[in-house]
């Protein structure tokens, strides 16, 4: 008798949602872009039903605006909304880091160092998409010892909103070295149990990213309008 075969239990809408999500986060599908379900169905060689289900998932995540009357489009946040996303991130992340530092153990520090090594490889390879994934994993590893599952889930949702803007910032070469240095400093401060210094640096890290991004996005939008 043949052995059991391992099959993927992920649904077709899940697979399509993952791919569209990455296209949005990478900037391949630009903010405000109209999403034509018929074209996507043809592109993925499926019916419109899994496309619509995938878009519903992305609508729930805040990446797509789905309307019964007007179809779908990639969410375009206002500058005020983008600023708010990073303000919320700072509030959540600083609270998690403050709770996590006293509880972190040797395996936590090792996990963080391993991720940082991978992140630096992604910098050198100019792989911004991979860096985006690792960036979230690194911050999650910093906060894991806090054991705040609900708060971490909130952070995951907020980070999904900010990820495409963070990638945009990291695509500018001069922003990479400061980010690398600050990530290493955060870990060093955590290892030294310097809670307040670590939280202050983390707050400045998120706010600096916010300020740089708002300046970059403002310039890009003004250029597009002109």
N, C-alpha and C. Protein backbone atom coordinates (compact mmCIF):
# COMPACT_ATOMS: atom_id res chain seq x y z
N UNK A 1 0.85 -1.20 0.00
CA UNK A 1 0.00 0.00 0.00
C UNK A 1 0.88 1.25 0.00
N UNK A 2 0.55 2.18 -0.85
CA UNK A 2 1.35 3.40 -0.96
C UNK A 2 1.24 4.22 0.32
N UNK A 3 2.33 4.91 0.67
CA UNK A 3 2.31 5.77 1.85
C UNK A 3 1.47 7.01 1.62
N UNK A 4 1.15 7.67 2.69
CA UNK A 4 0.35 8.88 2.58
C UNK A 4 1.14 9.98 1.90
N UNK A 5 0.46 10.73 1.08
CA UNK A 5 1.09 11.83 0.37
C UNK A 5 0.83 13.13 1.12
N UNK A 6 1.83 13.98 1.18
CA UNK A 6 1.70 15.28 1.85
C UNK A 6 1.20 16.29 0.83
N UNK A 7 0.10 16.93 1.14
CA UNK A 7 -0.45 17.94 0.24
C UNK A 7 -0.57 19.26 0.99
N UNK A 8 -0.54 20.33 0.25
CA UNK A 8 -0.70 21.64 0.85
C UNK A 8 -2.16 21.84 1.24
N UNK A 9 -2.37 22.32 2.44
CA UNK A 9 -3.73 22.58 2.90
C UNK A 9 -4.10 24.05 2.72
N UNK A 10 -3.26 24.81 2.09
CA UNK A 10 -3.57 26.21 1.85
C UNK A 10 -4.50 26.34 0.67
N UNK A 11 -5.49 27.20 0.81
CA UNK A 11 -6.48 27.36 -0.24
C UNK A 11 -5.92 28.23 -1.36
N UNK A 12 -6.56 28.14 -2.51
CA UNK A 12 -6.16 28.96 -3.66
C UNK A 12 -6.25 30.45 -3.36
N UNK A 13 -7.33 30.92 -2.71
CA UNK A 13 -7.36 32.35 -2.36
C UNK A 13 -6.21 32.78 -1.46
N UNK A 14 -5.79 31.88 -0.54
CA UNK A 14 -4.67 32.20 0.34
C UNK A 14 -3.38 32.40 -0.47
N UNK A 15 -3.15 31.48 -1.41
CA UNK A 15 -1.94 31.55 -2.24
C UNK A 15 -1.94 32.83 -3.08
N UNK A 16 -3.09 33.13 -3.66
CA UNK A 16 -3.20 34.35 -4.49
C UNK A 16 -3.05 35.59 -3.63
N UNK A 17 -3.66 35.59 -2.45
CA UNK A 17 -3.55 36.74 -1.54
C UNK A 17 -2.09 36.98 -1.16
N UNK A 18 -1.34 35.91 -0.90
CA UNK A 18 0.07 36.05 -0.55
C UNK A 18 0.84 36.72 -1.68
N UNK A 19 0.55 36.32 -2.92
CA UNK A 19 1.29 36.87 -4.05
C UNK A 19 0.92 38.33 -4.28
N UNK A 20 -0.38 38.65 -4.21
CA UNK A 20 -0.80 40.04 -4.40
C UNK A 20 -0.26 40.91 -3.27
N UNK A 21 -0.28 40.38 -2.05
CA UNK A 21 0.26 41.13 -0.91
C UNK A 21 1.71 41.51 -1.15
N UNK A 22 2.51 40.56 -1.61
CA UNK A 22 3.92 40.83 -1.87
C UNK A 22 4.07 41.86 -2.99
N UNK A 23 3.21 41.81 -3.99
CA UNK A 23 3.27 42.78 -5.09
C UNK A 23 2.95 44.19 -4.59
N UNK A 24 2.05 44.28 -3.61
CA UNK A 24 1.73 45.57 -3.03
C UNK A 24 2.88 46.07 -2.16
N UNK A 25 3.39 45.19 -1.29
CA UNK A 25 4.45 45.59 -0.37
C UNK A 25 5.74 45.96 -1.12
N UNK A 26 5.98 45.30 -2.24
CA UNK A 26 7.20 45.57 -3.00
C UNK A 26 7.08 46.84 -3.85
N UNK A 27 5.83 47.34 -3.99
CA UNK A 27 5.63 48.52 -4.82
C UNK A 27 5.32 48.19 -6.27
N UNK A 28 5.30 46.89 -6.62
CA UNK A 28 4.94 46.51 -7.99
C UNK A 28 3.52 46.98 -8.31
N UNK A 29 2.63 46.86 -7.33
CA UNK A 29 1.29 47.42 -7.45
C UNK A 29 1.28 48.68 -6.60
N UNK A 30 1.17 49.83 -7.26
CA UNK A 30 1.38 51.11 -6.59
C UNK A 30 0.15 51.54 -5.80
N UNK A 31 0.37 52.40 -4.81
CA UNK A 31 -0.73 52.92 -4.02
C UNK A 31 -1.72 53.65 -4.92
N UNK A 32 -3.01 53.38 -4.70
CA UNK A 32 -4.05 53.99 -5.51
C UNK A 32 -4.35 53.26 -6.80
N UNK A 33 -3.54 52.27 -7.15
CA UNK A 33 -3.72 51.56 -8.41
C UNK A 33 -5.03 50.78 -8.42
N UNK A 34 -5.78 50.90 -9.51
CA UNK A 34 -7.01 50.14 -9.67
C UNK A 34 -6.67 48.67 -9.91
N UNK A 35 -7.35 47.79 -9.20
CA UNK A 35 -7.14 46.35 -9.34
C UNK A 35 -8.28 45.78 -10.18
N UNK A 36 -7.95 45.28 -11.34
CA UNK A 36 -8.96 44.74 -12.24
C UNK A 36 -9.03 43.22 -12.06
N UNK A 37 -10.16 42.79 -11.48
CA UNK A 37 -10.30 41.38 -11.12
C UNK A 37 -10.25 40.47 -12.35
N UNK A 38 -10.81 40.93 -13.47
CA UNK A 38 -10.79 40.11 -14.68
C UNK A 38 -9.36 39.89 -15.15
N UNK A 39 -8.55 40.94 -15.08
CA UNK A 39 -7.16 40.82 -15.53
C UNK A 39 -6.38 39.89 -14.60
N UNK A 40 -6.64 39.99 -13.29
CA UNK A 40 -5.95 39.11 -12.35
C UNK A 40 -6.37 37.65 -12.56
N UNK A 41 -7.66 37.44 -12.81
CA UNK A 41 -8.14 36.07 -13.04
C UNK A 41 -7.44 35.46 -14.26
N UNK A 42 -7.25 36.27 -15.28
CA UNK A 42 -6.56 35.79 -16.47
C UNK A 42 -5.08 35.55 -16.17
N UNK A 43 -4.48 36.46 -15.40
CA UNK A 43 -3.06 36.35 -15.08
C UNK A 43 -2.77 35.10 -14.25
N UNK A 44 -3.64 34.81 -13.26
CA UNK A 44 -3.43 33.64 -12.40
C UNK A 44 -4.09 32.38 -12.96
N UNK A 45 -4.80 32.55 -14.09
CA UNK A 45 -5.47 31.42 -14.75
C UNK A 45 -6.48 30.74 -13.82
N UNK A 46 -7.32 31.57 -13.20
CA UNK A 46 -8.36 31.08 -12.31
C UNK A 46 -9.65 31.83 -12.61
N UNK A 47 -10.74 31.41 -11.98
CA UNK A 47 -11.99 32.15 -12.09
C UNK A 47 -11.91 33.41 -11.23
N UNK A 48 -12.92 34.26 -11.30
CA UNK A 48 -12.91 35.48 -10.51
C UNK A 48 -13.18 35.20 -9.03
N UNK A 49 -13.76 34.06 -8.70
CA UNK A 49 -14.14 33.80 -7.31
C UNK A 49 -12.93 33.78 -6.36
N UNK A 50 -11.85 33.00 -6.65
CA UNK A 50 -10.69 33.04 -5.74
C UNK A 50 -10.00 34.40 -5.72
N UNK A 51 -10.08 35.14 -6.83
CA UNK A 51 -9.52 36.49 -6.85
C UNK A 51 -10.27 37.38 -5.87
N UNK A 52 -11.59 37.31 -5.92
CA UNK A 52 -12.39 38.14 -5.02
C UNK A 52 -12.16 37.74 -3.56
N UNK A 53 -12.05 36.45 -3.29
CA UNK A 53 -11.79 36.01 -1.92
C UNK A 53 -10.43 36.49 -1.44
N UNK A 54 -9.44 36.45 -2.33
CA UNK A 54 -8.10 36.94 -1.98
C UNK A 54 -8.15 38.43 -1.67
N UNK A 55 -8.89 39.18 -2.47
CA UNK A 55 -8.98 40.63 -2.25
C UNK A 55 -9.72 40.95 -0.96
N UNK A 56 -10.68 40.10 -0.59
CA UNK A 56 -11.37 40.30 0.70
C UNK A 56 -10.38 40.17 1.85
N UNK A 57 -9.48 39.20 1.75
CA UNK A 57 -8.47 39.03 2.80
C UNK A 57 -7.58 40.26 2.89
N UNK A 58 -7.18 40.78 1.74
CA UNK A 58 -6.30 41.95 1.72
C UNK A 58 -7.04 43.21 2.15
N UNK A 59 -8.33 43.26 1.88
CA UNK A 59 -9.16 44.36 2.36
C UNK A 59 -9.20 44.36 3.89
N UNK A 60 -9.35 43.17 4.48
CA UNK A 60 -9.38 43.03 5.94
C UNK A 60 -8.04 43.43 6.56
N UNK A 61 -6.95 43.25 5.81
CA UNK A 61 -5.62 43.61 6.30
C UNK A 61 -5.31 45.09 6.11
N UNK A 62 -6.18 45.79 5.37
CA UNK A 62 -5.95 47.20 5.14
C UNK A 62 -5.01 47.52 4.00
N UNK A 63 -4.76 46.55 3.12
CA UNK A 63 -3.89 46.80 1.97
C UNK A 63 -4.67 47.11 0.71
N UNK A 64 -5.92 46.69 0.67
CA UNK A 64 -6.76 46.87 -0.50
C UNK A 64 -8.08 47.50 -0.05
N UNK A 65 -8.60 48.37 -0.88
CA UNK A 65 -9.93 48.95 -0.65
C UNK A 65 -10.89 48.28 -1.61
N UNK A 66 -11.81 47.49 -1.05
CA UNK A 66 -12.74 46.70 -1.87
C UNK A 66 -14.12 47.31 -1.74
N UNK A 67 -14.72 47.65 -2.88
CA UNK A 67 -16.05 48.26 -2.90
C UNK A 67 -16.94 47.49 -3.85
N UNK A 68 -18.17 47.27 -3.44
CA UNK A 68 -19.12 46.55 -4.30
C UNK A 68 -19.41 47.32 -5.57
N UNK A 69 -19.39 48.63 -5.48
CA UNK A 69 -19.76 49.46 -6.62
C UNK A 69 -18.57 49.87 -7.48
N UNK A 70 -17.40 50.03 -6.84
CA UNK A 70 -16.27 50.60 -7.57
C UNK A 70 -15.10 49.64 -7.73
N UNK A 71 -15.30 48.38 -7.42
CA UNK A 71 -14.23 47.42 -7.59
C UNK A 71 -13.22 47.51 -6.47
N UNK A 72 -11.94 47.37 -6.82
CA UNK A 72 -10.89 47.34 -5.80
C UNK A 72 -9.71 48.20 -6.24
N UNK A 73 -8.97 48.68 -5.24
CA UNK A 73 -7.76 49.45 -5.51
C UNK A 73 -6.79 49.25 -4.36
N UNK A 74 -5.53 49.52 -4.63
CA UNK A 74 -4.51 49.46 -3.58
C UNK A 74 -4.70 50.68 -2.67
N UNK A 75 -4.71 50.45 -1.38
CA UNK A 75 -4.89 51.54 -0.43
C UNK A 75 -3.81 52.61 -0.61
N UNK A 76 -4.25 53.86 -0.63
CA UNK A 76 -3.31 54.98 -0.62
C UNK A 76 -3.55 55.77 0.65
N UNK A 77 -2.61 55.69 1.58
CA UNK A 77 -2.75 56.41 2.83
C UNK A 77 -2.37 57.87 2.66
N UNK A 78 -3.06 58.72 3.39
CA UNK A 78 -2.65 60.13 3.44
C UNK A 78 -1.37 60.23 4.26
N UNK A 79 -0.69 61.35 4.15
CA UNK A 79 0.51 61.56 4.95
C UNK A 79 0.20 61.49 6.44
N UNK A 80 -0.95 62.01 6.82
CA UNK A 80 -1.36 61.96 8.23
C UNK A 80 -1.53 60.51 8.68
N UNK A 81 -2.14 59.70 7.83
CA UNK A 81 -2.35 58.29 8.18
C UNK A 81 -1.02 57.54 8.28
N UNK A 82 -0.10 57.84 7.36
CA UNK A 82 1.21 57.18 7.42
C UNK A 82 1.93 57.55 8.72
N UNK A 83 1.85 58.82 9.09
CA UNK A 83 2.43 59.23 10.36
C UNK A 83 1.80 58.51 11.54
N UNK A 84 0.48 58.35 11.48
CA UNK A 84 -0.23 57.66 12.57
C UNK A 84 0.21 56.20 12.67
N UNK A 85 0.40 55.54 11.54
CA UNK A 85 0.85 54.14 11.55
C UNK A 85 2.15 54.00 12.34
N UNK A 86 3.09 54.91 12.10
CA UNK A 86 4.38 54.82 12.80
C UNK A 86 4.27 55.26 14.26
N UNK A 87 3.36 56.18 14.55
CA UNK A 87 3.13 56.55 15.95
C UNK A 87 2.60 55.35 16.74
N UNK A 88 1.67 54.62 16.14
CA UNK A 88 1.12 53.43 16.80
C UNK A 88 2.20 52.37 16.97
N UNK A 89 3.00 52.18 15.93
CA UNK A 89 4.11 51.22 16.03
C UNK A 89 5.03 51.56 17.20
N UNK A 90 5.36 52.83 17.33
CA UNK A 90 6.26 53.24 18.41
C UNK A 90 5.65 52.92 19.78
N UNK A 91 4.38 53.22 19.95
CA UNK A 91 3.71 52.95 21.23
C UNK A 91 3.76 51.46 21.56
N UNK A 92 3.40 50.64 20.58
CA UNK A 92 3.33 49.20 20.83
C UNK A 92 4.72 48.61 21.03
N UNK A 93 5.66 48.98 20.17
CA UNK A 93 6.97 48.35 20.21
C UNK A 93 7.75 48.74 21.48
N UNK A 94 7.67 49.99 21.87
CA UNK A 94 8.39 50.40 23.07
C UNK A 94 7.84 49.68 24.29
N UNK A 95 6.52 49.54 24.37
CA UNK A 95 5.92 48.81 25.49
C UNK A 95 6.38 47.36 25.50
N UNK A 96 6.38 46.71 24.34
CA UNK A 96 6.82 45.32 24.26
C UNK A 96 8.29 45.17 24.63
N UNK A 97 9.12 46.08 24.14
CA UNK A 97 10.57 45.99 24.40
C UNK A 97 10.85 46.18 25.90
N UNK A 98 10.14 47.13 26.51
CA UNK A 98 10.33 47.37 27.94
C UNK A 98 9.99 46.13 28.76
N UNK A 99 8.95 45.42 28.36
CA UNK A 99 8.54 44.21 29.07
C UNK A 99 9.46 43.03 28.75
N UNK A 100 10.03 43.03 27.55
CA UNK A 100 10.80 41.89 27.08
C UNK A 100 12.22 41.85 27.63
N UNK A 101 12.88 43.01 27.67
CA UNK A 101 14.31 43.03 28.02
C UNK A 101 14.64 42.27 29.30
N UNK A 102 13.90 42.50 30.41
CA UNK A 102 14.27 41.78 31.65
C UNK A 102 14.07 40.27 31.56
N UNK A 103 13.26 39.81 30.59
CA UNK A 103 12.93 38.39 30.49
C UNK A 103 13.74 37.65 29.43
N UNK A 104 14.52 38.37 28.64
CA UNK A 104 15.24 37.74 27.54
C UNK A 104 16.33 36.82 28.08
N UNK A 105 16.51 35.69 27.40
CA UNK A 105 17.50 34.69 27.79
C UNK A 105 18.51 34.50 26.66
N UNK A 106 19.49 33.68 26.91
CA UNK A 106 20.53 33.42 25.91
C UNK A 106 19.97 32.96 24.56
N UNK A 107 18.99 32.03 24.52
CA UNK A 107 18.43 31.65 23.22
C UNK A 107 17.76 32.82 22.49
N UNK A 108 17.15 33.74 23.24
CA UNK A 108 16.54 34.92 22.61
C UNK A 108 17.61 35.77 21.94
N UNK A 109 18.71 36.00 22.63
CA UNK A 109 19.79 36.81 22.06
C UNK A 109 20.40 36.12 20.84
N UNK A 110 20.56 34.80 20.92
CA UNK A 110 21.11 34.05 19.78
C UNK A 110 20.18 34.16 18.57
N UNK A 111 18.89 34.02 18.82
CA UNK A 111 17.91 34.14 17.73
C UNK A 111 18.01 35.52 17.07
N UNK A 112 18.11 36.56 17.87
CA UNK A 112 18.21 37.91 17.33
C UNK A 112 19.48 38.08 16.49
N UNK A 113 20.61 37.57 17.01
CA UNK A 113 21.86 37.69 16.27
C UNK A 113 21.80 36.95 14.95
N UNK A 114 21.19 35.77 14.94
CA UNK A 114 21.07 35.00 13.70
C UNK A 114 20.26 35.76 12.65
N UNK A 115 19.18 36.38 13.09
CA UNK A 115 18.35 37.15 12.16
C UNK A 115 19.12 38.36 11.64
N UNK A 116 19.85 39.03 12.52
CA UNK A 116 20.64 40.19 12.09
C UNK A 116 21.66 39.80 11.03
N UNK A 117 22.28 38.64 11.20
CA UNK A 117 23.25 38.17 10.20
C UNK A 117 22.56 37.99 8.84
N UNK A 118 21.36 37.41 8.85
CA UNK A 118 20.61 37.23 7.61
C UNK A 118 20.22 38.58 7.02
N UNK A 119 19.83 39.51 7.88
CA UNK A 119 19.45 40.84 7.40
C UNK A 119 20.61 41.52 6.69
N UNK A 120 21.78 41.39 7.26
CA UNK A 120 22.93 42.05 6.64
C UNK A 120 23.31 41.41 5.31
N UNK A 121 23.06 40.11 5.20
CA UNK A 121 23.25 39.45 3.90
C UNK A 121 22.26 39.99 2.88
N UNK A 122 21.02 40.24 3.32
CA UNK A 122 20.01 40.77 2.40
C UNK A 122 20.36 42.19 1.98
N UNK A 123 20.96 42.99 2.89
CA UNK A 123 21.45 44.32 2.52
C UNK A 123 22.46 44.19 1.39
N UNK A 124 23.46 43.33 1.62
CA UNK A 124 24.56 43.19 0.66
C UNK A 124 24.06 42.69 -0.69
N UNK A 125 23.00 41.86 -0.66
CA UNK A 125 22.43 41.32 -1.90
C UNK A 125 21.41 42.26 -2.53
N UNK A 126 21.18 43.40 -1.88
CA UNK A 126 20.19 44.37 -2.35
C UNK A 126 18.80 43.73 -2.47
N UNK A 127 18.50 42.84 -1.53
CA UNK A 127 17.22 42.13 -1.52
C UNK A 127 16.30 42.80 -0.50
N UNK A 128 15.64 43.88 -0.93
CA UNK A 128 14.81 44.66 -0.02
C UNK A 128 13.61 43.86 0.46
N UNK A 129 13.04 43.02 -0.41
CA UNK A 129 11.89 42.21 -0.02
C UNK A 129 12.25 41.26 1.11
N UNK A 130 13.39 40.60 0.99
CA UNK A 130 13.82 39.68 2.04
C UNK A 130 14.12 40.45 3.32
N UNK A 131 14.71 41.63 3.17
CA UNK A 131 14.99 42.43 4.34
C UNK A 131 13.70 42.78 5.07
N UNK A 132 12.62 43.09 4.33
CA UNK A 132 11.36 43.44 4.96
C UNK A 132 10.83 42.33 5.85
N UNK A 133 10.91 41.09 5.36
CA UNK A 133 10.46 39.94 6.14
C UNK A 133 11.33 39.77 7.38
N UNK A 134 12.64 39.86 7.20
CA UNK A 134 13.57 39.67 8.31
C UNK A 134 13.46 40.79 9.34
N UNK A 135 13.17 42.00 8.87
CA UNK A 135 13.02 43.11 9.79
C UNK A 135 11.89 42.84 10.78
N UNK A 136 10.77 42.34 10.27
CA UNK A 136 9.65 42.01 11.17
C UNK A 136 10.04 40.86 12.10
N UNK A 137 10.73 39.86 11.56
CA UNK A 137 11.14 38.73 12.39
C UNK A 137 12.09 39.18 13.50
N UNK A 138 12.98 40.11 13.17
CA UNK A 138 13.94 40.58 14.17
C UNK A 138 13.23 41.31 15.32
N UNK A 139 12.37 42.23 14.96
CA UNK A 139 11.65 42.97 16.00
C UNK A 139 10.77 42.02 16.81
N UNK A 140 10.16 41.05 16.16
CA UNK A 140 9.35 40.06 16.89
C UNK A 140 10.21 39.27 17.87
N UNK A 141 11.43 38.93 17.44
CA UNK A 141 12.34 38.18 18.31
C UNK A 141 12.76 39.02 19.52
N UNK A 142 12.93 40.34 19.31
CA UNK A 142 13.27 41.21 20.42
C UNK A 142 12.18 41.25 21.48
N UNK A 143 10.93 41.10 21.04
CA UNK A 143 9.79 41.27 21.95
C UNK A 143 9.19 39.94 22.42
N UNK A 144 9.70 38.83 21.92
CA UNK A 144 9.07 37.54 22.18
C UNK A 144 9.02 37.21 23.67
N UNK A 145 10.06 37.59 24.40
CA UNK A 145 10.13 37.24 25.82
C UNK A 145 9.06 37.92 26.66
N UNK A 146 8.44 38.96 26.11
CA UNK A 146 7.36 39.64 26.83
C UNK A 146 6.12 38.76 26.94
N UNK A 147 6.01 37.81 26.01
CA UNK A 147 4.87 36.88 26.00
C UNK A 147 3.53 37.63 26.02
N UNK A 148 3.41 38.57 25.11
CA UNK A 148 2.19 39.37 24.96
C UNK A 148 1.59 39.06 23.60
N UNK A 149 0.90 37.95 23.49
CA UNK A 149 0.43 37.47 22.20
C UNK A 149 -0.54 38.42 21.52
N UNK A 150 -1.48 38.97 22.29
CA UNK A 150 -2.46 39.89 21.71
C UNK A 150 -1.77 41.14 21.19
N UNK A 151 -0.86 41.69 21.97
CA UNK A 151 -0.15 42.89 21.55
C UNK A 151 0.71 42.61 20.32
N UNK A 152 1.34 41.45 20.29
CA UNK A 152 2.14 41.09 19.12
C UNK A 152 1.29 40.95 17.87
N UNK A 153 0.07 40.46 18.01
CA UNK A 153 -0.83 40.36 16.86
C UNK A 153 -1.22 41.75 16.37
N UNK A 154 -1.46 42.67 17.30
CA UNK A 154 -1.75 44.05 16.90
C UNK A 154 -0.56 44.64 16.15
N UNK A 155 0.64 44.36 16.65
CA UNK A 155 1.84 44.87 15.99
C UNK A 155 1.99 44.28 14.59
N UNK A 156 1.67 43.00 14.45
CA UNK A 156 1.77 42.37 13.14
C UNK A 156 0.89 43.09 12.12
N UNK A 157 -0.33 43.45 12.53
CA UNK A 157 -1.25 44.12 11.62
C UNK A 157 -0.77 45.53 11.28
N UNK A 158 -0.26 46.23 12.28
CA UNK A 158 0.25 47.58 12.02
C UNK A 158 1.50 47.52 11.15
N UNK A 159 2.36 46.55 11.42
CA UNK A 159 3.60 46.42 10.65
C UNK A 159 3.32 46.10 9.19
N UNK A 160 2.24 45.37 8.94
CA UNK A 160 1.87 45.08 7.56
C UNK A 160 1.55 46.38 6.81
N UNK A 161 0.94 47.32 7.51
CA UNK A 161 0.64 48.61 6.90
C UNK A 161 1.91 49.41 6.61
N UNK A 162 2.88 49.30 7.51
CA UNK A 162 4.08 50.12 7.38
C UNK A 162 5.15 49.49 6.49
N UNK A 163 5.04 48.20 6.23
CA UNK A 163 6.14 47.47 5.57
C UNK A 163 6.46 48.04 4.20
N UNK A 164 5.46 48.36 3.40
CA UNK A 164 5.78 48.85 2.06
C UNK A 164 6.47 50.20 2.11
N UNK A 165 6.16 51.01 3.13
CA UNK A 165 6.83 52.29 3.26
C UNK A 165 8.25 52.11 3.79
N UNK A 166 8.43 51.16 4.71
CA UNK A 166 9.78 50.88 5.20
C UNK A 166 10.67 50.39 4.07
N UNK A 167 10.12 49.52 3.23
CA UNK A 167 10.91 49.03 2.09
C UNK A 167 11.29 50.18 1.17
N UNK A 168 10.36 51.11 0.99
CA UNK A 168 10.63 52.27 0.14
C UNK A 168 11.82 53.05 0.70
N UNK A 169 11.83 53.22 2.02
CA UNK A 169 12.92 53.95 2.67
C UNK A 169 14.24 53.21 2.52
N UNK A 170 14.20 51.88 2.68
CA UNK A 170 15.43 51.09 2.61
C UNK A 170 15.94 50.96 1.17
N UNK A 171 15.10 51.26 0.19
CA UNK A 171 15.58 51.21 -1.19
C UNK A 171 16.52 52.37 -1.47
N UNK A 172 16.48 53.38 -0.59
CA UNK A 172 17.43 54.48 -0.69
C UNK A 172 18.70 54.07 0.05
N UNK A 173 19.78 53.92 -0.66
CA UNK A 173 20.98 53.28 -0.14
C UNK A 173 21.49 53.91 1.15
N UNK A 174 21.44 55.25 1.27
CA UNK A 174 22.06 55.88 2.43
C UNK A 174 21.31 55.61 3.73
N UNK A 175 20.10 55.06 3.64
CA UNK A 175 19.35 54.75 4.85
C UNK A 175 19.73 53.39 5.44
N UNK A 176 20.48 52.58 4.73
CA UNK A 176 20.71 51.21 5.17
C UNK A 176 21.72 51.11 6.31
N UNK A 177 22.82 51.83 6.20
CA UNK A 177 23.85 51.71 7.24
C UNK A 177 23.34 52.16 8.61
N UNK A 178 22.66 53.32 8.71
CA UNK A 178 22.12 53.69 10.02
C UNK A 178 21.16 52.65 10.58
N UNK A 179 20.32 52.05 9.73
CA UNK A 179 19.38 51.02 10.20
C UNK A 179 20.14 49.80 10.72
N UNK A 180 21.18 49.39 10.01
CA UNK A 180 21.99 48.25 10.46
C UNK A 180 22.60 48.53 11.83
N UNK A 181 23.17 49.72 11.98
CA UNK A 181 23.82 50.06 13.24
C UNK A 181 22.82 50.09 14.39
N UNK A 182 21.67 50.68 14.16
CA UNK A 182 20.68 50.79 15.24
C UNK A 182 20.13 49.43 15.64
N UNK A 183 19.98 48.53 14.70
CA UNK A 183 19.51 47.19 15.04
C UNK A 183 20.53 46.48 15.96
N UNK A 184 21.79 46.64 15.65
CA UNK A 184 22.83 46.03 16.49
C UNK A 184 22.85 46.69 17.88
N UNK A 185 22.67 48.00 17.92
CA UNK A 185 22.68 48.71 19.20
C UNK A 185 21.50 48.28 20.08
N UNK A 186 20.34 48.08 19.47
CA UNK A 186 19.17 47.64 20.24
C UNK A 186 19.45 46.31 20.93
N UNK A 187 20.07 45.39 20.20
CA UNK A 187 20.37 44.10 20.78
C UNK A 187 21.41 44.22 21.89
N UNK A 188 22.42 45.05 21.68
CA UNK A 188 23.46 45.23 22.69
C UNK A 188 22.88 45.80 23.98
N UNK A 189 21.99 46.76 23.85
CA UNK A 189 21.36 47.35 25.03
C UNK A 189 20.47 46.34 25.75
N UNK A 190 19.80 45.50 24.98
CA UNK A 190 18.97 44.45 25.60
C UNK A 190 19.85 43.47 26.36
N UNK A 191 20.98 43.09 25.78
CA UNK A 191 21.89 42.15 26.44
C UNK A 191 22.46 42.75 27.73
N UNK A 192 22.64 44.06 27.74
CA UNK A 192 23.16 44.74 28.94
C UNK A 192 22.05 45.09 29.92
N UNK A 193 20.79 44.72 29.59
CA UNK A 193 19.61 44.99 30.45
C UNK A 193 19.40 46.49 30.67
N UNK A 194 19.79 47.27 29.70
CA UNK A 194 19.59 48.72 29.79
C UNK A 194 18.23 49.07 29.21
N UNK A 195 17.22 48.91 30.04
CA UNK A 195 15.83 49.00 29.58
C UNK A 195 15.49 50.38 29.02
N UNK A 196 15.75 51.41 29.80
CA UNK A 196 15.34 52.75 29.37
C UNK A 196 16.14 53.23 28.16
N UNK A 197 17.44 52.93 28.15
CA UNK A 197 18.26 53.32 26.99
C UNK A 197 17.81 52.58 25.74
N UNK A 198 17.47 51.29 25.89
CA UNK A 198 16.99 50.51 24.75
C UNK A 198 15.67 51.04 24.23
N UNK A 199 14.77 51.37 25.15
CA UNK A 199 13.45 51.87 24.73
C UNK A 199 13.57 53.24 24.07
N UNK A 200 14.48 54.08 24.57
CA UNK A 200 14.68 55.39 23.96
C UNK A 200 15.22 55.26 22.54
N UNK A 201 16.20 54.38 22.38
CA UNK A 201 16.75 54.17 21.04
C UNK A 201 15.70 53.61 20.10
N UNK A 202 14.89 52.67 20.57
CA UNK A 202 13.85 52.09 19.73
C UNK A 202 12.85 53.17 19.30
N UNK A 203 12.44 54.02 20.24
CA UNK A 203 11.51 55.10 19.90
C UNK A 203 12.12 56.01 18.84
N UNK A 204 13.37 56.39 19.02
CA UNK A 204 14.04 57.25 18.05
C UNK A 204 14.18 56.56 16.70
N UNK A 205 14.42 55.26 16.72
CA UNK A 205 14.56 54.46 15.51
C UNK A 205 13.27 54.50 14.68
N UNK A 206 12.14 54.29 15.34
CA UNK A 206 10.85 54.29 14.63
C UNK A 206 10.51 55.70 14.16
N UNK A 207 10.73 56.71 15.01
CA UNK A 207 10.39 58.08 14.65
C UNK A 207 11.29 58.61 13.53
N UNK A 208 12.55 58.20 13.53
CA UNK A 208 13.45 58.62 12.45
C UNK A 208 12.98 58.04 11.12
N UNK A 209 12.57 56.78 11.15
CA UNK A 209 12.04 56.15 9.94
C UNK A 209 10.80 56.89 9.47
N UNK A 210 9.92 57.23 10.41
CA UNK A 210 8.70 57.98 10.07
C UNK A 210 9.04 59.30 9.39
N UNK A 211 9.93 60.08 9.99
CA UNK A 211 10.27 61.39 9.44
C UNK A 211 10.90 61.28 8.05
N UNK A 212 11.81 60.33 7.89
CA UNK A 212 12.46 60.13 6.59
C UNK A 212 11.45 59.74 5.52
N UNK A 213 10.54 58.86 5.92
CA UNK A 213 9.54 58.39 4.97
C UNK A 213 8.58 59.50 4.55
N UNK A 214 8.10 60.27 5.51
CA UNK A 214 7.17 61.34 5.17
C UNK A 214 7.82 62.34 4.22
N UNK A 215 9.11 62.62 4.44
CA UNK A 215 9.83 63.52 3.54
C UNK A 215 9.94 62.91 2.14
N UNK A 216 10.28 61.62 2.09
CA UNK A 216 10.45 60.93 0.81
C UNK A 216 9.12 60.83 0.05
N UNK A 217 8.05 60.44 0.75
CA UNK A 217 6.76 60.26 0.11
C UNK A 217 6.19 61.59 -0.35
N UNK A 218 6.37 62.62 0.46
CA UNK A 218 5.91 63.96 0.06
C UNK A 218 6.58 64.38 -1.24
N UNK A 219 7.89 64.19 -1.32
CA UNK A 219 8.63 64.58 -2.54
C UNK A 219 8.17 63.76 -3.74
N UNK A 220 7.96 62.45 -3.53
CA UNK A 220 7.53 61.59 -4.63
C UNK A 220 6.15 61.98 -5.14
N UNK A 221 5.23 62.29 -4.22
CA UNK A 221 3.88 62.64 -4.62
C UNK A 221 3.84 63.99 -5.31
N UNK A 222 4.65 64.92 -4.83
CA UNK A 222 4.70 66.22 -5.49
C UNK A 222 5.27 66.08 -6.90
N UNK A 223 6.26 65.22 -7.06
CA UNK A 223 6.84 64.99 -8.39
C UNK A 223 5.82 64.35 -9.32
N UNK A 224 5.03 63.41 -8.81
CA UNK A 224 4.01 62.75 -9.63
C UNK A 224 2.94 63.76 -10.07
N UNK A 225 2.56 64.65 -9.17
CA UNK A 225 1.51 65.62 -9.49
C UNK A 225 1.99 66.65 -10.52
N UNK A 226 3.28 66.95 -10.48
CA UNK A 226 3.80 67.93 -11.43
C UNK A 226 4.13 67.30 -12.77
